[in-house]
N, C-alpha and C. Protein backbone atom coordinates (compact mmCIF):
# COMPACT_ATOMS: atom_id res chain seq x y z
N UNK A 1 160.31 72.76 51.56
CA UNK A 1 161.49 73.53 52.54
C UNK A 1 160.93 73.98 53.89
N UNK A 2 161.65 74.53 54.90
CA UNK A 2 161.27 74.90 56.29
C UNK A 2 160.06 75.83 56.27
N UNK A 3 159.56 76.43 55.63
CA UNK A 3 158.15 76.75 55.73
C UNK A 3 157.02 75.86 55.16
N UNK A 4 157.35 74.80 54.71
CA UNK A 4 156.26 73.75 54.22
C UNK A 4 155.94 73.10 55.66
N UNK A 5 157.47 72.86 56.28
CA UNK A 5 156.97 72.20 57.63
C UNK A 5 156.43 72.90 58.61
N UNK A 6 156.73 74.25 58.67
CA UNK A 6 156.03 75.18 59.68
C UNK A 6 154.47 75.23 59.13
N UNK A 7 154.41 75.23 58.09
CA UNK A 7 153.21 75.38 57.43
C UNK A 7 151.91 74.01 58.05
N UNK A 8 152.82 73.05 57.78
CA UNK A 8 152.12 71.78 58.48
C UNK A 8 152.09 71.64 60.04
N UNK A 9 152.93 71.96 60.74
CA UNK A 9 152.74 72.31 61.92
C UNK A 9 151.47 73.14 62.72
N UNK A 10 151.24 74.29 61.86
CA UNK A 10 150.61 75.39 62.15
C UNK A 10 149.06 74.93 61.55
N UNK A 11 149.17 74.35 60.39
CA UNK A 11 147.71 74.15 59.85
C UNK A 11 146.68 73.65 60.81
N UNK A 12 146.88 72.76 61.51
CA UNK A 12 145.68 72.12 62.63
C UNK A 12 144.99 73.58 63.37
N UNK A 13 145.90 74.16 63.92
CA UNK A 13 145.35 75.53 64.44
C UNK A 13 145.09 76.36 63.92
N UNK A 14 145.34 76.49 62.82
CA UNK A 14 144.80 77.89 61.99
C UNK A 14 143.49 77.37 61.48
N UNK A 15 143.58 76.14 60.70
CA UNK A 15 142.01 75.73 60.51
C UNK A 15 141.08 75.52 61.51
N UNK A 16 141.32 75.38 62.74
CA UNK A 16 140.45 75.33 63.84
C UNK A 16 139.92 76.84 64.17
N UNK A 17 140.87 77.81 64.13
CA UNK A 17 140.23 79.41 63.91
C UNK A 17 139.52 79.67 62.50
N UNK A 18 139.26 78.82 61.80
CA UNK A 18 138.63 79.31 60.60
C UNK A 18 139.48 80.01 59.28
N UNK A 19 141.00 80.26 59.29
CA UNK A 19 142.00 80.65 58.57
C UNK A 19 142.49 79.69 57.54
N UNK A 20 142.39 80.10 56.35
CA UNK A 20 142.79 79.41 55.31
C UNK A 20 143.94 78.83 55.47
N UNK A 21 144.35 77.33 55.03
CA UNK A 21 145.82 76.91 55.64
C UNK A 21 146.82 77.47 54.43
N UNK A 22 146.51 77.60 53.76
CA UNK A 22 147.76 78.50 52.89
C UNK A 22 148.04 79.95 53.62
N UNK A 23 147.15 80.36 54.39
CA UNK A 23 147.45 81.71 54.77
C UNK A 23 147.99 81.25 56.25
N UNK A 24 148.01 80.28 56.54
CA UNK A 24 148.91 80.05 57.78
C UNK A 24 150.46 80.11 57.63
N UNK A 25 150.69 79.96 56.11
CA UNK A 25 152.31 80.19 56.03
C UNK A 25 152.66 81.81 56.12
N UNK A 26 151.73 82.75 55.86
CA UNK A 26 152.00 84.36 56.10
C UNK A 26 152.46 84.58 57.82
N UNK A 27 151.19 83.75 58.26
CA UNK A 27 151.26 83.82 59.94
C UNK A 27 152.67 83.49 60.15
N UNK A 28 152.92 82.12 59.76
CA UNK A 28 154.08 81.34 60.46
C UNK A 28 155.48 82.28 60.18
N UNK A 29 155.42 82.84 58.74
CA UNK A 29 156.54 83.62 58.50
C UNK A 29 156.85 85.26 59.10
N UNK A 30 155.74 85.52 59.45
CA UNK A 30 155.37 86.81 60.26
C UNK A 30 156.30 86.89 61.70
N UNK A 31 155.96 85.47 62.20
CA UNK A 31 156.42 85.39 63.68
C UNK A 31 158.25 85.28 63.72
N UNK A 32 158.71 85.05 62.21
CA UNK A 32 160.00 85.29 61.90
C UNK A 32 160.61 86.49 61.49
N UNK A 33 159.99 87.08 60.55
CA UNK A 33 160.34 88.46 59.66
C UNK A 33 159.20 88.90 59.23
N UNK A 34 158.69 90.10 59.92
CA UNK A 34 157.14 90.59 59.35
C UNK A 34 157.34 91.16 57.80
N UNK A 35 158.30 91.66 57.50
CA UNK A 35 158.35 92.00 56.13
C UNK A 35 158.79 90.90 54.98
N UNK A 36 159.20 89.99 55.48
CA UNK A 36 159.23 88.80 54.58
C UNK A 36 157.85 88.12 54.37
N UNK A 37 156.95 88.16 55.41
CA UNK A 37 155.72 87.74 55.41
C UNK A 37 154.57 88.62 54.56
N UNK A 38 155.16 89.62 54.45
CA UNK A 38 154.03 90.81 53.64
C UNK A 38 154.48 90.48 52.09
N UNK A 39 155.78 90.22 51.58
CA UNK A 39 156.19 89.85 50.33
C UNK A 39 155.49 88.66 49.80
N UNK A 40 155.65 87.46 50.90
CA UNK A 40 155.02 86.32 50.86
C UNK A 40 153.69 86.52 50.30
N UNK A 41 153.02 87.21 51.44
CA UNK A 41 151.32 87.72 51.33
C UNK A 41 151.18 88.16 49.69
N UNK A 42 152.01 89.20 49.37
CA UNK A 42 151.54 89.85 48.14
C UNK A 42 151.71 88.97 47.01
N UNK A 43 152.59 88.11 46.92
CA UNK A 43 152.90 87.29 46.38
C UNK A 43 151.57 86.15 45.89
N UNK A 44 151.25 85.60 47.24
CA UNK A 44 149.93 84.82 47.11
C UNK A 44 148.57 85.61 46.38
N UNK A 45 148.69 86.57 47.00
CA UNK A 45 147.87 87.41 46.45
C UNK A 45 147.28 87.68 45.12
N UNK A 46 148.65 87.84 44.67
CA UNK A 46 148.82 88.18 43.04
C UNK A 46 148.75 86.88 41.98
N UNK A 47 148.90 85.84 42.71
CA UNK A 47 148.91 84.49 41.82
C UNK A 47 147.43 83.80 41.93
N UNK A 48 146.40 84.47 43.21
CA UNK A 48 145.17 83.89 43.46
C UNK A 48 145.38 82.95 44.40
N UNK A 49 146.20 82.73 45.09
CA UNK A 49 146.31 81.63 46.28
C UNK A 49 145.24 81.93 47.41
N UNK A 50 145.31 83.04 47.81
CA UNK A 50 144.36 83.72 48.89
C UNK A 50 144.12 84.83 48.30
N UNK A 51 142.78 84.94 49.19
CA UNK A 51 141.99 86.32 48.76
C UNK A 51 142.49 87.41 49.83
N UNK A 52 142.01 88.55 49.50
CA UNK A 52 142.45 89.59 50.48
C UNK A 52 141.70 89.42 51.83
N UNK A 53 140.30 88.78 52.14
CA UNK A 53 139.65 88.51 53.20
C UNK A 53 140.61 87.48 53.90
N UNK A 54 141.02 86.36 53.31
CA UNK A 54 141.96 85.68 54.06
C UNK A 54 143.48 85.93 54.30
N UNK A 55 143.98 87.21 53.59
CA UNK A 55 145.17 87.22 53.87
C UNK A 55 145.15 88.26 55.24
N UNK A 56 144.31 89.21 55.18
CA UNK A 56 144.01 90.10 56.52
C UNK A 56 144.05 89.58 57.78
N UNK A 57 143.04 88.10 58.08
CA UNK A 57 143.32 87.66 59.11
C UNK A 57 144.83 86.88 59.42
N UNK A 58 145.38 86.57 58.67
CA UNK A 58 146.80 86.09 58.91
C UNK A 58 147.70 87.08 58.93
N UNK A 59 147.44 88.30 58.51
CA UNK A 59 148.50 89.53 58.78
C UNK A 59 148.46 89.85 60.50
N UNK A 60 147.15 89.96 60.66
CA UNK A 60 146.58 90.36 61.94
C UNK A 60 147.13 89.46 62.91
N UNK A 61 146.88 88.29 62.83
CA UNK A 61 147.49 87.18 63.80
C UNK A 61 148.94 86.92 64.02
N UNK A 62 149.52 87.08 62.65
CA UNK A 62 151.04 87.21 62.67
C UNK A 62 151.54 88.40 63.35
N UNK A 63 150.89 89.56 63.06
CA UNK A 63 151.28 90.84 63.82
C UNK A 63 150.98 90.54 65.49
N UNK A 64 150.04 90.12 65.68
CA UNK A 64 149.83 90.08 67.28
C UNK A 64 151.10 89.12 67.91
N UNK A 65 151.04 87.83 67.19
CA UNK A 65 152.12 87.12 67.82
C UNK A 65 153.55 87.59 68.03
N UNK A 66 153.88 88.20 66.84
CA UNK A 66 155.22 88.80 66.57
C UNK A 66 155.36 89.90 68.01
N UNK A 67 154.43 90.62 68.09
CA UNK A 67 154.71 91.61 69.13
C UNK A 67 154.40 90.89 70.45
N UNK A 68 153.73 90.22 70.94
CA UNK A 68 153.94 89.17 72.14
C UNK A 68 155.21 88.25 72.25
N UNK A 69 155.57 87.66 71.12
CA UNK A 69 156.62 86.90 71.63
C UNK A 69 158.11 87.28 71.02
N UNK A 70 157.86 88.43 70.15
CA UNK A 70 159.00 88.55 69.92
C UNK A 70 159.48 89.95 70.10
N UNK A 71 158.88 90.94 69.88
CA UNK A 71 159.16 92.53 70.15
C UNK A 71 159.01 92.98 71.32
N UNK A 72 158.02 92.47 72.05
CA UNK A 72 157.87 93.01 73.57
C UNK A 72 159.18 92.58 74.52
N UNK A 73 159.51 91.17 74.31
CA UNK A 73 160.48 90.75 75.42
C UNK A 73 161.90 91.14 74.90
N UNK A 74 162.01 91.26 73.65
CA UNK A 74 163.37 92.03 73.18
C UNK A 74 163.28 93.18 73.17
N UNK A 75 162.50 94.05 72.60
CA UNK A 75 162.76 95.48 72.67
C UNK A 75 161.79 96.28 73.71
N UNK A 76 160.63 95.98 73.69
CA UNK A 76 159.82 97.29 74.63
C UNK A 76 159.99 96.95 76.03
N UNK A 77 159.87 95.61 76.49
CA UNK A 77 160.11 95.18 77.92
C UNK A 77 161.21 96.07 78.59
N UNK A 78 162.32 95.59 78.54
CA UNK A 78 163.78 96.12 78.76
C UNK A 78 163.69 97.85 78.59
N UNK A 79 163.04 98.30 77.55
CA UNK A 79 162.62 99.66 77.33
C UNK A 79 162.19 100.21 78.53
N UNK A 80 160.80 99.53 78.68
CA UNK A 80 159.94 100.58 79.73
C UNK A 80 160.56 100.19 81.10
N UNK A 81 161.24 98.97 81.48
CA UNK A 81 161.62 98.64 82.94
C UNK A 81 162.79 99.38 82.99
N UNK A 82 163.57 99.88 82.11
CA UNK A 82 164.54 100.83 82.19
C UNK A 82 164.34 102.25 82.37
N UNK A 83 163.23 102.70 82.50
CA UNK A 83 162.85 104.14 82.06
C UNK A 83 161.92 104.35 83.20
N UNK A 84 160.69 103.62 83.57
CA UNK A 84 159.81 103.68 84.39
C UNK A 84 160.08 102.63 85.50
N UNK A 85 159.35 103.30 86.90
CA UNK A 85 159.16 102.68 87.92
C UNK A 85 158.63 101.18 87.52
N UNK A 86 158.69 100.11 88.46
CA UNK A 86 158.53 98.77 88.08
C UNK A 86 156.72 98.68 87.78
N UNK A 87 155.92 99.26 89.14
CA UNK A 87 154.52 99.30 88.79
C UNK A 87 154.02 100.05 87.46
N UNK A 88 154.49 100.93 87.07
CA UNK A 88 154.10 101.76 86.14
C UNK A 88 154.53 101.30 84.65
N UNK A 89 155.80 100.58 84.76
CA UNK A 89 155.87 99.93 83.36
C UNK A 89 155.26 98.89 83.06
N UNK A 90 154.88 98.10 83.98
CA UNK A 90 153.95 96.88 83.95
C UNK A 90 152.58 97.30 83.22
N UNK A 91 152.32 98.49 83.64
CA UNK A 91 150.81 99.15 83.34
C UNK A 91 151.01 99.42 81.88
N UNK A 92 152.05 100.03 81.85
CA UNK A 92 152.21 100.68 80.30
C UNK A 92 152.56 99.61 79.49
N UNK A 93 153.39 98.32 79.71
CA UNK A 93 153.17 97.28 78.66
C UNK A 93 151.89 96.56 78.50
N UNK A 94 151.17 96.78 79.40
CA UNK A 94 149.57 95.99 79.39
C UNK A 94 148.90 97.04 78.07
N UNK A 95 149.12 98.21 78.23
CA UNK A 95 148.57 98.98 77.34
C UNK A 95 149.21 99.00 76.05
N UNK A 96 150.47 98.95 76.00
CA UNK A 96 151.28 99.12 74.77
C UNK A 96 150.99 97.39 73.96
N UNK A 97 151.08 96.74 74.66
CA UNK A 97 151.19 95.06 74.03
C UNK A 97 150.08 94.24 74.21
N UNK A 98 149.23 94.04 75.54
CA UNK A 98 148.36 93.31 75.64
C UNK A 98 147.08 93.77 74.67
N UNK A 99 146.78 95.09 75.08
CA UNK A 99 145.51 95.58 74.27
C UNK A 99 145.51 95.47 72.88
N UNK A 100 146.90 96.06 72.20
CA UNK A 100 146.47 95.96 70.69
C UNK A 100 146.31 94.20 70.18
N UNK A 101 147.51 93.53 71.10
CA UNK A 101 147.31 92.01 70.31
C UNK A 101 146.14 91.65 70.56
N UNK A 102 145.30 91.75 71.57
CA UNK A 102 143.97 90.92 71.88
C UNK A 102 143.15 91.51 70.59
N UNK A 103 143.08 93.11 70.69
CA UNK A 103 142.57 93.48 69.71
C UNK A 103 142.74 93.21 67.93
N UNK A 104 144.07 92.58 67.62
CA UNK A 104 144.01 91.96 66.37
C UNK A 104 143.62 90.49 66.36
N UNK A 105 144.01 89.77 67.48
CA UNK A 105 143.46 88.32 67.42
C UNK A 105 141.71 88.60 67.42
N UNK A 106 141.31 89.09 68.11
CA UNK A 106 139.70 89.17 67.96
C UNK A 106 139.49 90.03 66.41
N UNK A 107 140.22 90.57 65.97
CA UNK A 107 139.74 91.06 64.68
C UNK A 107 140.24 89.95 63.54
N UNK A 108 141.03 89.01 63.61
CA UNK A 108 141.31 88.18 62.88
C UNK A 108 140.44 86.82 63.27
N UNK A 109 139.85 86.59 64.39
CA UNK A 109 139.08 85.60 64.38
C UNK A 109 137.73 85.94 63.79
N UNK A 110 137.03 87.32 64.08
CA UNK A 110 135.84 87.91 63.61
C UNK A 110 136.00 87.85 61.85
N UNK A 111 137.05 88.09 61.25
CA UNK A 111 137.06 88.02 59.99
C UNK A 111 136.88 86.92 59.44
N UNK A 112 137.54 85.79 60.03
CA UNK A 112 137.42 84.28 59.59
C UNK A 112 136.26 83.81 59.64
N UNK A 113 135.61 84.43 60.53
CA UNK A 113 134.08 83.94 60.70
C UNK A 113 133.05 84.22 59.50
N UNK A 114 133.80 85.60 58.51
CA UNK A 114 132.74 85.95 57.40
C UNK A 114 132.58 85.14 56.42
């Protein structure tokens, strides 16, 4: 279905990072619906398709991408721009969005190297 196609599209990129191709499905679903990704991840863990060491980087990457591409433009940025002055809101956005996302991505890449 749809997730198989999405998994096939992301597979070359996640393999390049060292992520398990099956875990790519978790990252892809997390971009659309975080709670569904966690359910899929738990089912994959229960069935032995992925290990916890493979699941954690997938969840961290998905969380990072979700925050950058979905949550920030839809929820966080409009709020900060409406409450704070422009210069301050941009600084707060960097602290709120960019710093954790970079940390999550770096953590995921480091975990893939283990």
